[in-house]
Amino acid sequence: LPENEVSLMSYEAPRMVNSKGGQIRIFMPRYGNINERRHQLHE
């Protein structure tokens, strides 16, 4: 989704934990304006 303060930090915080050896899972809604083909979503 487009960058704003929520969407950006929701990416940066997991990236930080991942880089420091933590294990992460990220969940978000699959809104209809997310391009499934471009981002290679699969069920």
PDB file of all heavy atoms in Angstrom:
ATOM      1  N   LEU A   1       0.849  -1.188   0.000  1.00  0.00           N
ATOM      2  CA  LEU A   1       0.000   0.000   0.000  1.00  0.00           C
ATOM      3  C   LEU A   1       0.882   1.233   0.000  1.00  0.00           C
ATOM      4  O   LEU A   1       2.076   1.160   0.323  1.00  0.00           O
ATOM      5  CB  LEU A   1      -0.918  -0.004   1.229  1.00  0.00           C
ATOM      6  CG  LEU A   1      -2.013  -1.080   1.247  1.00  0.00           C
ATOM      7  CD1 LEU A   1      -2.718  -1.082   2.589  1.00  0.00           C
ATOM      8  CD2 LEU A   1      -3.013  -0.884   0.112  1.00  0.00           C
ATOM      9  N   PRO A   2       0.331   2.403  -0.358  1.00  0.00           N
ATOM     10  CA  PRO A   2       1.141   3.617  -0.412  1.00  0.00           C
ATOM     11  C   PRO A   2       1.817   3.926   0.923  1.00  0.00           C
ATOM     12  O   PRO A   2       1.319   3.559   1.990  1.00  0.00           O
ATOM     13  CB  PRO A   2       0.129   4.698  -0.787  1.00  0.00           C
ATOM     14  CG  PRO A   2      -0.962   3.974  -1.499  1.00  0.00           C
ATOM     15  CD  PRO A   2      -1.054   2.634  -0.838  1.00  0.00           C
ATOM     16  N   GLU A   3       2.938   4.625   0.834  1.00  0.00           N
ATOM     17  CA  GLU A   3       3.710   4.935   2.036  1.00  0.00           C
ATOM     18  C   GLU A   3       3.033   6.022   2.868  1.00  0.00           C
ATOM     19  O   GLU A   3       2.662   7.074   2.368  1.00  0.00           O
ATOM     20  CB  GLU A   3       5.124   5.378   1.652  1.00  0.00           C
ATOM     21  CG  GLU A   3       6.018   5.673   2.843  1.00  0.00           C
ATOM     22  CD  GLU A   3       7.432   6.049   2.430  1.00  0.00           C
ATOM     23  OE1 GLU A   3       8.015   5.347   1.580  1.00  0.00           O
ATOM     24  OE2 GLU A   3       7.939   7.059   2.955  1.00  0.00           O
ATOM     25  N   ASN A   4       2.864   5.743   4.148  1.00  0.00           N
ATOM     26  CA  ASN A   4       2.510   6.755   5.137  1.00  0.00           C
ATOM     27  C   ASN A   4       3.196   6.333   6.435  1.00  0.00           C
ATOM     28  O   ASN A   4       3.960   5.365   6.455  1.00  0.00           O
ATOM     29  CB  ASN A   4       0.987   6.887   5.300  1.00  0.00           C
ATOM     30  CG  ASN A   4       0.311   5.588   5.714  1.00  0.00           C
ATOM     31  OD1 ASN A   4       0.863   4.790   6.482  1.00  0.00           O
ATOM     32  ND2 ASN A   4      -0.902   5.360   5.212  1.00  0.00           N
ATOM     33  N   GLU A   5       2.956   7.040   7.528  1.00  0.00           N
ATOM     34  CA  GLU A   5       3.713   6.736   8.740  1.00  0.00           C
ATOM     35  C   GLU A   5       3.405   5.338   9.289  1.00  0.00           C
ATOM     36  O   GLU A   5       4.287   4.680   9.854  1.00  0.00           O
ATOM     37  CB  GLU A   5       3.463   7.801   9.809  1.00  0.00           C
ATOM     38  CG  GLU A   5       2.018   7.971  10.228  1.00  0.00           C
ATOM     39  CD  GLU A   5       1.832   9.159  11.165  1.00  0.00           C
ATOM     40  OE1 GLU A   5       2.737  10.009  11.221  1.00  0.00           O
ATOM     41  OE2 GLU A   5       0.784   9.235  11.823  1.00  0.00           O
ATOM     42  N   VAL A   6       2.173   4.873   9.110  1.00  0.00           N
ATOM     43  CA  VAL A   6       1.818   3.534   9.578  1.00  0.00           C
ATOM     44  C   VAL A   6       2.442   2.464   8.681  1.00  0.00           C
ATOM     45  O   VAL A   6       3.101   1.533   9.165  1.00  0.00           O
ATOM     46  CB  VAL A   6       0.284   3.352   9.620  1.00  0.00           C
ATOM     47  CG1 VAL A   6      -0.062   1.932  10.067  1.00  0.00           C
ATOM     48  CG2 VAL A   6      -0.366   4.373  10.541  1.00  0.00           C
ATOM     49  N   SER A   7       2.232   2.582   7.370  1.00  0.00           N
ATOM     50  CA  SER A   7       2.704   1.542   6.453  1.00  0.00           C
ATOM     51  C   SER A   7       4.228   1.460   6.426  1.00  0.00           C
ATOM     52  O   SER A   7       4.792   0.371   6.256  1.00  0.00           O
ATOM     53  CB  SER A   7       2.161   1.792   5.038  1.00  0.00           C
ATOM     54  OG  SER A   7       2.647   3.004   4.503  1.00  0.00           O
ATOM     55  N   LEU A   8       4.898   2.600   6.623  1.00  0.00           N
ATOM     56  CA  LEU A   8       6.364   2.596   6.594  1.00  0.00           C
ATOM     57  C   LEU A   8       6.940   1.943   7.850  1.00  0.00           C
ATOM     58  O   LEU A   8       7.807   1.065   7.768  1.00  0.00           O
ATOM     59  CB  LEU A   8       6.891   4.013   6.441  1.00  0.00           C
ATOM     60  CG  LEU A   8       8.423   4.145   6.365  1.00  0.00           C
ATOM     61  CD1 LEU A   8       8.980   3.362   5.180  1.00  0.00           C
ATOM     62  CD2 LEU A   8       8.835   5.608   6.278  1.00  0.00           C
ATOM     63  N   MET A   9       6.451   2.349   9.028  1.00  0.00           N
ATOM     64  CA  MET A   9       6.994   1.763  10.253  1.00  0.00           C
ATOM     65  C   MET A   9       6.574   0.302  10.404  1.00  0.00           C
ATOM     66  O   MET A   9       7.305  -0.494  11.014  1.00  0.00           O
ATOM     67  CB  MET A   9       6.555   2.573  11.472  1.00  0.00           C
ATOM     68  CG  MET A   9       7.257   2.162  12.765  1.00  0.00           C
ATOM     69  SD  MET A   9       9.074   2.141  12.643  1.00  0.00           S
ATOM     70  CE  MET A   9       9.417   3.893  12.649  1.00  0.00           C
ATOM     71  N   SER A  10       5.444  -0.069   9.816  1.00  0.00           N
ATOM     72  CA  SER A  10       5.025  -1.471   9.839  1.00  0.00           C
ATOM     73  C   SER A  10       5.966  -2.347   9.027  1.00  0.00           C
ATOM     74  O   SER A  10       5.980  -3.575   9.185  1.00  0.00           O
ATOM     75  CB  SER A  10       3.596  -1.618   9.298  1.00  0.00           C
ATOM     76  OG  SER A  10       2.677  -0.920  10.110  1.00  0.00           O
ATOM     77  N   TYR A  11       6.736  -1.725   8.143  1.00  0.00           N
ATOM     78  CA  TYR A  11       7.780  -2.419   7.385  1.00  0.00           C
ATOM     79  C   TYR A  11       9.137  -2.308   8.092  1.00  0.00           C
ATOM     80  O   TYR A  11       9.871  -3.293   8.216  1.00  0.00           O
ATOM     81  CB  TYR A  11       7.873  -1.818   5.983  1.00  0.00           C
ATOM     82  CG  TYR A  11       9.125  -2.163   5.224  1.00  0.00           C
ATOM     83  CD1 TYR A  11       9.255  -3.397   4.589  1.00  0.00           C
ATOM     84  CD2 TYR A  11      10.189  -1.264   5.134  1.00  0.00           C
ATOM     85  CE1 TYR A  11      10.415  -3.722   3.899  1.00  0.00           C
ATOM     86  CE2 TYR A  11      11.344  -1.580   4.447  1.00  0.00           C
ATOM     87  CZ  TYR A  11      11.454  -2.808   3.832  1.00  0.00           C
ATOM     88  OH  TYR A  11      12.600  -3.128   3.160  1.00  0.00           O
ATOM     89  N   GLU A  12       9.463  -1.111   8.574  1.00  0.00           N
ATOM     90  CA  GLU A  12      10.789  -0.883   9.139  1.00  0.00           C
ATOM     91  C   GLU A  12      11.008  -1.647  10.446  1.00  0.00           C
ATOM     92  O   GLU A  12      12.100  -2.180  10.689  1.00  0.00           O
ATOM     93  CB  GLU A  12      11.010   0.622   9.372  1.00  0.00           C
ATOM     94  CG  GLU A  12      11.149   1.448   8.102  1.00  0.00           C
ATOM     95  CD  GLU A  12      12.439   1.176   7.347  1.00  0.00           C
ATOM     96  OE1 GLU A  12      13.334   0.482   7.897  1.00  0.00           O
ATOM     97  OE2 GLU A  12      12.571   1.640   6.206  1.00  0.00           O
ATOM     98  N   ALA A  13       9.997  -1.715  11.300  1.00  0.00           N
ATOM     99  CA  ALA A  13      10.176  -2.408  12.584  1.00  0.00           C
ATOM    100  C   ALA A  13      10.448  -3.906  12.394  1.00  0.00           C
ATOM    101  O   ALA A  13      11.392  -4.445  12.992  1.00  0.00           O
ATOM    102  CB  ALA A  13       8.974  -2.162  13.489  1.00  0.00           C
ATOM    103  N   PRO A  14       9.654  -4.626  11.578  1.00  0.00           N
ATOM    104  CA  PRO A  14       9.998  -6.034  11.334  1.00  0.00           C
ATOM    105  C   PRO A  14      11.359  -6.209  10.666  1.00  0.00           C
ATOM    106  O   PRO A  14      12.090  -7.152  10.985  1.00  0.00           O
ATOM    107  CB  PRO A  14       8.873  -6.521  10.411  1.00  0.00           C
ATOM    108  CG  PRO A  14       7.750  -5.574  10.618  1.00  0.00           C
ATOM    109  CD  PRO A  14       8.373  -4.259  10.954  1.00  0.00           C
ATOM    110  N   ARG A  15      11.683  -5.311   9.733  1.00  0.00           N
ATOM    111  CA  ARG A  15      12.988  -5.399   9.070  1.00  0.00           C
ATOM    112  C   ARG A  15      14.114  -5.303  10.096  1.00  0.00           C
ATOM    113  O   ARG A  15      15.097  -6.042  10.045  1.00  0.00           O
ATOM    114  CB  ARG A  15      13.113  -4.283   8.027  1.00  0.00           C
ATOM    115  CG  ARG A  15      14.429  -4.314   7.252  1.00  0.00           C
ATOM    116  CD  ARG A  15      14.697  -2.991   6.542  1.00  0.00           C
ATOM    117  NE  ARG A  15      14.729  -1.865   7.456  1.00  0.00           N
ATOM    118  CZ  ARG A  15      15.753  -1.604   8.275  1.00  0.00           C
ATOM    119  NH1 ARG A  15      16.826  -2.408   8.310  1.00  0.00           N
ATOM    120  NH2 ARG A  15      15.703  -0.563   9.070  1.00  0.00           N
ATOM    121  N   MET A  16      13.960  -4.385  11.061  1.00  0.00           N
ATOM    122  CA  MET A  16      14.965  -4.219  12.103  1.00  0.00           C
ATOM    123  C   MET A  16      15.107  -5.492  12.939  1.00  0.00           C
ATOM    124  O   MET A  16      16.219  -5.978  13.184  1.00  0.00           O
ATOM    125  CB  MET A  16      14.593  -3.032  12.997  1.00  0.00           C
ATOM    126  CG  MET A  16      15.541  -2.791  14.179  1.00  0.00           C
ATOM    127  SD  MET A  16      15.133  -3.752  15.665  1.00  0.00           S
ATOM    128  CE  MET A  16      13.611  -2.957  16.175  1.00  0.00           C
ATOM    129  N   VAL A  17      13.977  -6.046  13.382  1.00  0.00           N
ATOM    130  CA  VAL A  17      14.024  -7.251  14.211  1.00  0.00           C
ATOM    131  C   VAL A  17      14.651  -8.406  13.424  1.00  0.00           C
ATOM    132  O   VAL A  17      15.477  -9.164  13.950  1.00  0.00           O
ATOM    133  CB  VAL A  17      12.611  -7.631  14.698  1.00  0.00           C
ATOM    134  CG1 VAL A  17      12.633  -8.977  15.422  1.00  0.00           C
ATOM    135  CG2 VAL A  17      12.058  -6.546  15.609  1.00  0.00           C
ATOM    136  N   ASN A  18      14.270  -8.531  12.168  1.00  0.00           N
ATOM    137  CA  ASN A  18      14.808  -9.579  11.305  1.00  0.00           C
ATOM    138  C   ASN A  18      16.324  -9.451  11.174  1.00  0.00           C
ATOM    139  O   ASN A  18      17.055 -10.454  11.235  1.00  0.00           O
ATOM    140  CB  ASN A  18      14.142  -9.481   9.928  1.00  0.00           C
ATOM    141  CG  ASN A  18      14.324 -10.729   9.094  1.00  0.00           C
ATOM    142  OD1 ASN A  18      14.143 -11.836   9.567  1.00  0.00           O
ATOM    143  ND2 ASN A  18      14.671 -10.547   7.825  1.00  0.00           N
ATOM    144  N   SER A  19      16.788  -8.224  11.038  1.00  0.00           N
ATOM    145  CA  SER A  19      18.232  -7.993  10.863  1.00  0.00           C
ATOM    146  C   SER A  19      19.013  -8.268  12.143  1.00  0.00           C
ATOM    147  O   SER A  19      20.218  -8.522  12.097  1.00  0.00           O
ATOM    148  CB  SER A  19      18.492  -6.551  10.406  1.00  0.00           C
ATOM    149  OG  SER A  19      18.220  -5.628  11.441  1.00  0.00           O
ATOM    150  N   LYS A  20      18.331  -8.225  13.290  1.00  0.00           N
ATOM    151  CA  LYS A  20      18.994  -8.457  14.572  1.00  0.00           C
ATOM    152  C   LYS A  20      18.817  -9.892  15.068  1.00  0.00           C
ATOM    153  O   LYS A  20      19.065 -10.187  16.244  1.00  0.00           O
ATOM    154  CB  LYS A  20      18.471  -7.472  15.627  1.00  0.00           C
ATOM    155  CG  LYS A  20      18.860  -6.025  15.366  1.00  0.00           C
ATOM    156  CD  LYS A  20      18.372  -5.102  16.455  1.00  0.00           C
ATOM    157  CE  LYS A  20      18.751  -3.659  16.202  1.00  0.00           C
ATOM    158  NZ  LYS A  20      20.212  -3.432  16.222  1.00  0.00           N
ATOM    159  N   GLY A  21      18.363 -10.780  14.177  1.00  0.00           N
ATOM    160  CA  GLY A  21      18.291 -12.196  14.526  1.00  0.00           C
ATOM    161  C   GLY A  21      16.991 -12.643  15.158  1.00  0.00           C
ATOM    162  O   GLY A  21      16.874 -13.783  15.611  1.00  0.00           O
ATOM    163  N   GLY A  22      15.990 -11.748  15.186  1.00  0.00           N
ATOM    164  CA  GLY A  22      14.688 -12.137  15.703  1.00  0.00           C
ATOM    165  C   GLY A  22      13.877 -12.896  14.669  1.00  0.00           C
ATOM    166  O   GLY A  22      14.180 -12.867  13.470  1.00  0.00           O
ATOM    167  N   GLN A  23      12.851 -13.604  15.126  1.00  0.00           N
ATOM    168  CA  GLN A  23      11.922 -14.284  14.232  1.00  0.00           C
ATOM    169  C   GLN A  23      10.649 -13.443  14.140  1.00  0.00           C
ATOM    170  O   GLN A  23      10.155 -12.965  15.157  1.00  0.00           O
ATOM    171  CB  GLN A  23      11.571 -15.672  14.763  1.00  0.00           C
ATOM    172  CG  GLN A  23      12.758 -16.596  14.928  1.00  0.00           C
ATOM    173  CD  GLN A  23      12.329 -17.939  15.497  1.00  0.00           C
ATOM    174  OE1 GLN A  23      11.319 -18.512  15.096  1.00  0.00           O
ATOM    175  NE2 GLN A  23      13.094 -18.452  16.451  1.00  0.00           N
ATOM    176  N   ILE A  24      10.147 -13.239  12.928  1.00  0.00           N
ATOM    177  CA  ILE A  24       8.988 -12.371  12.755  1.00  0.00           C
ATOM    178  C   ILE A  24       7.902 -13.035  11.922  1.00  0.00           C
ATOM    179  O   ILE A  24       8.174 -13.931  11.116  1.00  0.00           O
ATOM    180  CB  ILE A  24       9.379 -11.031  12.095  1.00  0.00           C
ATOM    181  CG1 ILE A  24       9.945 -11.270  10.682  1.00  0.00           C
ATOM    182  CG2 ILE A  24      10.360 -10.247  12.951  1.00  0.00           C
ATOM    183  CD1 ILE A  24      10.084 -10.012   9.872  1.00  0.00           C
ATOM    184  N   ARG A  25       6.696 -12.603  12.143  1.00  0.00           N
ATOM    185  CA  ARG A  25       5.550 -12.866  11.277  1.00  0.00           C
ATOM    186  C   ARG A  25       4.829 -11.528  11.121  1.00  0.00           C
ATOM    187  O   ARG A  25       4.681 -10.784  12.095  1.00  0.00           O
ATOM    188  CB  ARG A  25       4.596 -13.904  11.874  1.00  0.00           C
ATOM    189  CG  ARG A  25       5.183 -15.293  12.079  1.00  0.00           C
ATOM    190  CD  ARG A  25       5.352 -16.042  10.768  1.00  0.00           C
ATOM    191  NE  ARG A  25       5.738 -17.437  10.977  1.00  0.00           N
ATOM    192  CZ  ARG A  25       6.969 -17.858  11.157  1.00  0.00           C
ATOM    193  NH1 ARG A  25       7.972 -16.988  11.169  1.00  0.00           N
ATOM    194  NH2 ARG A  25       7.231 -19.141  11.328  1.00  0.00           N
ATOM    195  N   ILE A  26       4.369 -11.225   9.918  1.00  0.00           N
ATOM    196  CA  ILE A  26       3.617 -10.001   9.661  1.00  0.00           C
ATOM    197  C   ILE A  26       2.251 -10.375   9.109  1.00  0.00           C
ATOM    198  O   ILE A  26       2.138 -11.205   8.208  1.00  0.00           O
ATOM    199  CB  ILE A  26       4.336  -9.088   8.644  1.00  0.00           C
ATOM    200  CG1 ILE A  26       5.780  -8.805   9.066  1.00  0.00           C
ATOM    201  CG2 ILE A  26       3.570  -7.776   8.475  1.00  0.00           C
ATOM    202  CD1 ILE A  26       6.567  -8.014   8.040  1.00  0.00           C
ATOM    203  N   PHE A  27       1.208  -9.735   9.643  1.00  0.00           N
ATOM    204  CA  PHE A  27      -0.154  -9.931   9.156  1.00  0.00           C
ATOM    205  C   PHE A  27      -0.761  -8.588   8.775  1.00  0.00           C
ATOM    206  O   PHE A  27      -0.572  -7.590   9.476  1.00  0.00           O
ATOM    207  CB  PHE A  27      -1.034 -10.584  10.226  1.00  0.00           C
ATOM    208  CG  PHE A  27      -0.858 -12.064  10.352  1.00  0.00           C
ATOM    209  CD1 PHE A  27       0.246 -12.588  11.015  1.00  0.00           C
ATOM    210  CD2 PHE A  27      -1.792 -12.938   9.825  1.00  0.00           C
ATOM    211  CE1 PHE A  27       0.420 -13.956  11.143  1.00  0.00           C
ATOM    212  CE2 PHE A  27      -1.631 -14.311   9.950  1.00  0.00           C
ATOM    213  CZ  PHE A  27      -0.522 -14.823  10.610  1.00  0.00           C
ATOM    214  N   MET A  28      -1.501  -8.575   7.680  1.00  0.00           N
ATOM    215  CA  MET A  28      -2.275  -7.399   7.269  1.00  0.00           C
ATOM    216  C   MET A  28      -3.500  -7.874   6.490  1.00  0.00           C
ATOM    217  O   MET A  28      -3.547  -9.022   6.037  1.00  0.00           O
ATOM    218  CB  MET A  28      -1.433  -6.456   6.417  1.00  0.00           C
ATOM    219  CG  MET A  28      -1.102  -6.973   5.021  1.00  0.00           C
ATOM    220  SD  MET A  28      -0.287  -5.708   3.980  1.00  0.00           S
ATOM    221  CE  MET A  28      -1.626  -4.540   3.719  1.00  0.00           C
ATOM    222  N   PRO A  29      -4.513  -7.017   6.317  1.00  0.00           N
ATOM    223  CA  PRO A  29      -5.656  -7.397   5.481  1.00  0.00           C
ATOM    224  C   PRO A  29      -5.262  -7.433   4.004  1.00  0.00           C
ATOM    225  O   PRO A  29      -4.393  -6.676   3.560  1.00  0.00           O
ATOM    226  CB  PRO A  29      -6.681  -6.278   5.740  1.00  0.00           C
ATOM    227  CG  PRO A  29      -6.231  -5.614   7.008  1.00  0.00           C
ATOM    228  CD  PRO A  29      -4.743  -5.730   7.005  1.00  0.00           C
ATOM    229  N   ARG A  30      -5.943  -8.310   3.240  1.00  0.00           N
ATOM    230  CA  ARG A  30      -5.711  -8.361   1.804  1.00  0.00           C
ATOM    231  C   ARG A  30      -6.779  -7.509   1.112  1.00  0.00           C
ATOM    232  O   ARG A  30      -7.780  -7.992   0.609  1.00  0.00           O
ATOM    233  CB  ARG A  30      -5.773  -9.808   1.286  1.00  0.00           C
ATOM    234  CG  ARG A  30      -5.025 -10.052  -0.026  1.00  0.00           C
ATOM    235  CD  ARG A  30      -5.652  -9.409  -1.229  1.00  0.00           C
ATOM    236  NE  ARG A  30      -6.997  -9.910  -1.511  1.00  0.00           N
ATOM    237  CZ  ARG A  30      -7.779  -9.465  -2.473  1.00  0.00           C
ATOM    238  NH1 ARG A  30      -7.406  -8.472  -3.243  1.00  0.00           N
ATOM    239  NH2 ARG A  30      -8.998  -9.973  -2.641  1.00  0.00           N
ATOM    240  N   TYR A  31      -6.536  -6.181   1.132  1.00  0.00           N
ATOM    241  CA  TYR A  31      -7.476  -5.269   0.479  1.00  0.00           C
ATOM    242  C   TYR A  31      -7.502  -5.527  -1.031  1.00  0.00           C
ATOM    243  O   TYR A  31      -6.513  -5.968  -1.623  1.00  0.00           O
ATOM    244  CB  TYR A  31      -7.072  -3.815   0.732  1.00  0.00           C
ATOM    245  CG  TYR A  31      -6.896  -3.460   2.185  1.00  0.00           C
ATOM    246  CD1 TYR A  31      -5.621  -3.320   2.741  1.00  0.00           C
ATOM    247  CD2 TYR A  31      -7.993  -3.247   3.012  1.00  0.00           C
ATOM    248  CE1 TYR A  31      -5.447  -2.979   4.068  1.00  0.00           C
ATOM    249  CE2 TYR A  31      -7.824  -2.905   4.351  1.00  0.00           C
ATOM    250  CZ  TYR A  31      -6.550  -2.778   4.866  1.00  0.00           C
ATOM    251  OH  TYR A  31      -6.370  -2.447   6.194  1.00  0.00           O
ATOM    252  N   GLY A  32      -8.641  -5.200  -1.651  1.00  0.00           N
ATOM    253  CA  GLY A  32      -8.799  -5.442  -3.076  1.00  0.00           C
ATOM    254  C   GLY A  32      -7.946  -4.572  -3.971  1.00  0.00           C
ATOM    255  O   GLY A  32      -7.797  -4.853  -5.158  1.00  0.00           O
ATOM    256  N   ASN A  33      -7.367  -3.496  -3.406  1.00  0.00           N
ATOM    257  CA  ASN A  33      -6.494  -2.644  -4.221  1.00  0.00           C
ATOM    258  C   ASN A  33      -5.023  -3.068  -4.129  1.00  0.00           C
ATOM    259  O   ASN A  33      -4.143  -2.367  -4.623  1.00  0.00           O
ATOM    260  CB  ASN A  33      -6.647  -1.166  -3.830  1.00  0.00           C
ATOM    261  CG  ASN A  33      -6.406  -0.913  -2.350  1.00  0.00           C
ATOM    262  OD1 ASN A  33      -6.375  -1.839  -1.550  1.00  0.00           O
ATOM    263  ND2 ASN A  33      -6.261   0.343  -1.978  1.00  0.00           N
ATOM    264  N   ILE A  34      -4.751  -4.208  -3.533  1.00  0.00           N
ATOM    265  CA  ILE A  34      -3.404  -4.783  -3.563  1.00  0.00           C
ATOM    266  C   ILE A  34      -3.289  -5.654  -4.809  1.00  0.00           C
ATOM    267  O   ILE A  34      -4.112  -6.545  -5.034  1.00  0.00           O
ATOM    268  CB  ILE A  34      -3.126  -5.624  -2.300  1.00  0.00           C
ATOM    269  CG1 ILE A  34      -3.108  -4.724  -1.062  1.00  0.00           C
ATOM    270  CG2 ILE A  34      -1.807  -6.382  -2.428  1.00  0.00           C
ATOM    271  CD1 ILE A  34      -2.990  -5.481   0.250  1.00  0.00           C
ATOM    272  N   ASN A  35      -2.313  -5.390  -5.615  1.00  0.00           N
ATOM    273  CA  ASN A  35      -2.127  -6.120  -6.862  1.00  0.00           C
ATOM    274  C   ASN A  35      -1.505  -7.490  -6.578  1.00  0.00           C
ATOM    275  O   ASN A  35      -0.313  -7.603  -6.303  1.00  0.00           O
ATOM    276  CB  ASN A  35      -1.242  -5.302  -7.813  1.00  0.00           C
ATOM    277  CG  ASN A  35      -1.193  -5.871  -9.212  1.00  0.00           C
ATOM    278  OD1 ASN A  35      -1.011  -7.072  -9.408  1.00  0.00           O
ATOM    279  ND2 ASN A  35      -1.354  -5.019 -10.204  1.00  0.00           N
ATOM    280  N   GLU A  36      -2.339  -8.513  -6.642  1.00  0.00           N
ATOM    281  CA  GLU A  36      -1.873  -9.856  -6.284  1.00  0.00           C
ATOM    282  C   GLU A  36      -0.829 -10.390  -7.260  1.00  0.00           C
ATOM    283  O   GLU A  36       0.116 -11.068  -6.863  1.00  0.00           O
ATOM    284  CB  GLU A  36      -3.053 -10.828  -6.204  1.00  0.00           C
ATOM    285  CG  GLU A  36      -4.000 -10.543  -5.060  1.00  0.00           C
ATOM    286  CD  GLU A  36      -4.857 -11.750  -4.712  1.00  0.00           C
ATOM    287  OE1 GLU A  36      -4.516 -12.876  -5.126  1.00  0.00           O
ATOM    288  OE2 GLU A  36      -5.863 -11.559  -4.016  1.00  0.00           O
ATOM    289  N   ARG A  37      -1.004 -10.085  -8.536  1.00  0.00           N
ATOM    290  CA  ARG A  37      -0.050 -10.593  -9.531  1.00  0.00           C
ATOM    291  C   ARG A  37       1.308  -9.923  -9.367  1.00  0.00           C
ATOM    292  O   ARG A  37       2.345 -10.601  -9.350  1.00  0.00           O
ATOM    293  CB  ARG A  37      -0.594 -10.353 -10.943  1.00  0.00           C
ATOM    294  CG  ARG A  37       0.348 -10.844 -12.042  1.00  0.00           C
ATOM    295  CD  ARG A  37      -0.274 -10.703 -13.410  1.00  0.00           C
ATOM    296  NE  ARG A  37      -1.444 -11.570 -13.566  1.00  0.00           N
ATOM    297  CZ  ARG A  37      -2.181 -11.633 -14.666  1.00  0.00           C
ATOM    298  NH1 ARG A  37      -1.872 -10.869 -15.710  1.00  0.00           N
ATOM    299  NH2 ARG A  37      -3.210 -12.442 -14.740  1.00  0.00           N
ATOM    300  N   ARG A  38       1.300  -8.603  -9.229  1.00  0.00           N
ATOM    301  CA  ARG A  38       2.576  -7.884  -9.106  1.00  0.00           C
ATOM    302  C   ARG A  38       3.340  -8.319  -7.862  1.00  0.00           C
ATOM    303  O   ARG A  38       4.562  -8.468  -7.880  1.00  0.00           O
ATOM    304  CB  ARG A  38       2.327  -6.374  -9.052  1.00  0.00           C
ATOM    305  CG  ARG A  38       3.622  -5.543  -8.923  1.00  0.00           C
ATOM    306  CD  ARG A  38       3.328  -4.094  -8.602  1.00  0.00           C
ATOM    307  NE  ARG A  38       2.366  -3.523  -9.534  1.00  0.00           N
ATOM    308  CZ  ARG A  38       1.509  -2.543  -9.222  1.00  0.00           C
ATOM    309  NH1 ARG A  38       1.492  -2.064  -7.987  1.00  0.00           N
ATOM    310  NH2 ARG A  38       0.685  -2.064 -10.125  1.00  0.00           N
ATOM    311  N   HIS A  39       2.617  -8.515  -6.761  1.00  0.00           N
ATOM    312  CA  HIS A  39       3.277  -8.850  -5.497  1.00  0.00           C
ATOM    313  C   HIS A  39       3.329 -10.356  -5.239  1.00  0.00           C
ATOM    314  O   HIS A  39       3.795 -10.781  -4.179  1.00  0.00           O
ATOM    315  CB  HIS A  39       2.571  -8.139  -4.340  1.00  0.00           C
ATOM    316  CG  HIS A  39       2.683  -6.642  -4.401  1.00  0.00           C
ATOM    317  ND1 HIS A  39       3.880  -5.970  -4.289  1.00  0.00           N
ATOM    318  CD2 HIS A  39       1.735  -5.686  -4.578  1.00  0.00           C
ATOM    319  CE1 HIS A  39       3.671  -4.662  -4.372  1.00  0.00           C
ATOM    320  NE2 HIS A  39       2.378  -4.473  -4.557  1.00  0.00           N
ATOM    321  N   GLN A  40       2.821 -11.135  -6.192  1.00  0.00           N
ATOM    322  CA  GLN A  40       2.927 -12.598  -6.148  1.00  0.00           C
ATOM    323  C   GLN A  40       2.297 -13.193  -4.885  1.00  0.00           C
ATOM    324  O   GLN A  40       2.893 -14.035  -4.205  1.00  0.00           O
ATOM    325  CB  GLN A  40       4.397 -13.032  -6.285  1.00  0.00           C
ATOM    326  CG  GLN A  40       5.012 -12.588  -7.605  1.00  0.00           C
ATOM    327  CD  GLN A  40       6.451 -13.050  -7.778  1.00  0.00           C
ATOM    328  OE1 GLN A  40       7.052 -13.616  -6.884  1.00  0.00           O
ATOM    329  NE2 GLN A  40       7.004 -12.803  -8.947  1.00  0.00           N
ATOM    330  N   LEU A  41       1.082 -12.754  -4.583  1.00  0.00           N
ATOM    331  CA  LEU A  41       0.334 -13.363  -3.497  1.00  0.00           C
ATOM    332  C   LEU A  41      -0.186 -14.724  -3.937  1.00  0.00           C
ATOM    333  O   LEU A  41      -0.586 -14.900  -5.087  1.00  0.00           O
ATOM    334  CB  LEU A  41      -0.867 -12.489  -3.098  1.00  0.00           C
ATOM    335  CG  LEU A  41      -0.630 -11.376  -2.065  1.00  0.00           C
ATOM    336  CD1 LEU A  41       0.259 -10.283  -2.637  1.00  0.00           C
ATOM    337  CD2 LEU A  41      -1.958 -10.794  -1.593  1.00  0.00           C
ATOM    338  N   HIS A  42      -0.199 -15.655  -3.024  1.00  0.00           N
ATOM    339  CA  HIS A  42      -0.815 -16.945  -3.327  1.00  0.00           C
ATOM    340  C   HIS A  42      -1.470 -17.500  -2.071  1.00  0.00           C
ATOM    341  O   HIS A  42      -1.012 -17.251  -0.946  1.00  0.00           O
ATOM    342  CB  HIS A  42       0.209 -17.941  -3.890  1.00  0.00           C
ATOM    343  CG  HIS A  42       1.342 -18.248  -2.959  1.00  0.00           C
ATOM    344  ND1 HIS A  42       2.476 -17.460  -2.882  1.00  0.00           N
ATOM    345  CD2 HIS A  42       1.524 -19.260  -2.066  1.00  0.00           C
ATOM    346  CE1 HIS A  42       3.305 -17.971  -1.996  1.00  0.00           C
ATOM    347  NE2 HIS A  42       2.757 -19.058  -1.478  1.00  0.00           N
ATOM    348  N   GLU A  43      -2.545 -18.244  -2.271  1.00  0.00           N
ATOM    349  CA  GLU A  43      -3.295 -18.780  -1.141  1.00  0.00           C
ATOM    350  C   GLU A  43      -2.548 -19.950  -0.501  1.00  0.00           C
ATOM    351  O   GLU A  43      -1.919 -20.756  -1.181  1.00  0.00           O
ATOM    352  CB  GLU A  43      -4.689 -19.237  -1.584  1.00  0.00           C
ATOM    353  CG  GLU A  43      -5.563 -19.718  -0.429  1.00  0.00           C
ATOM    354  CD  GLU A  43      -6.973 -20.081  -0.840  1.00  0.00           C
ATOM    355  OE1 GLU A  43      -7.341 -19.814  -2.012  1.00  0.00           O
ATOM    356  OE2 GLU A  43      -7.699 -20.630   0.004  1.00  0.00           O
TER     357      GLU A  43
END
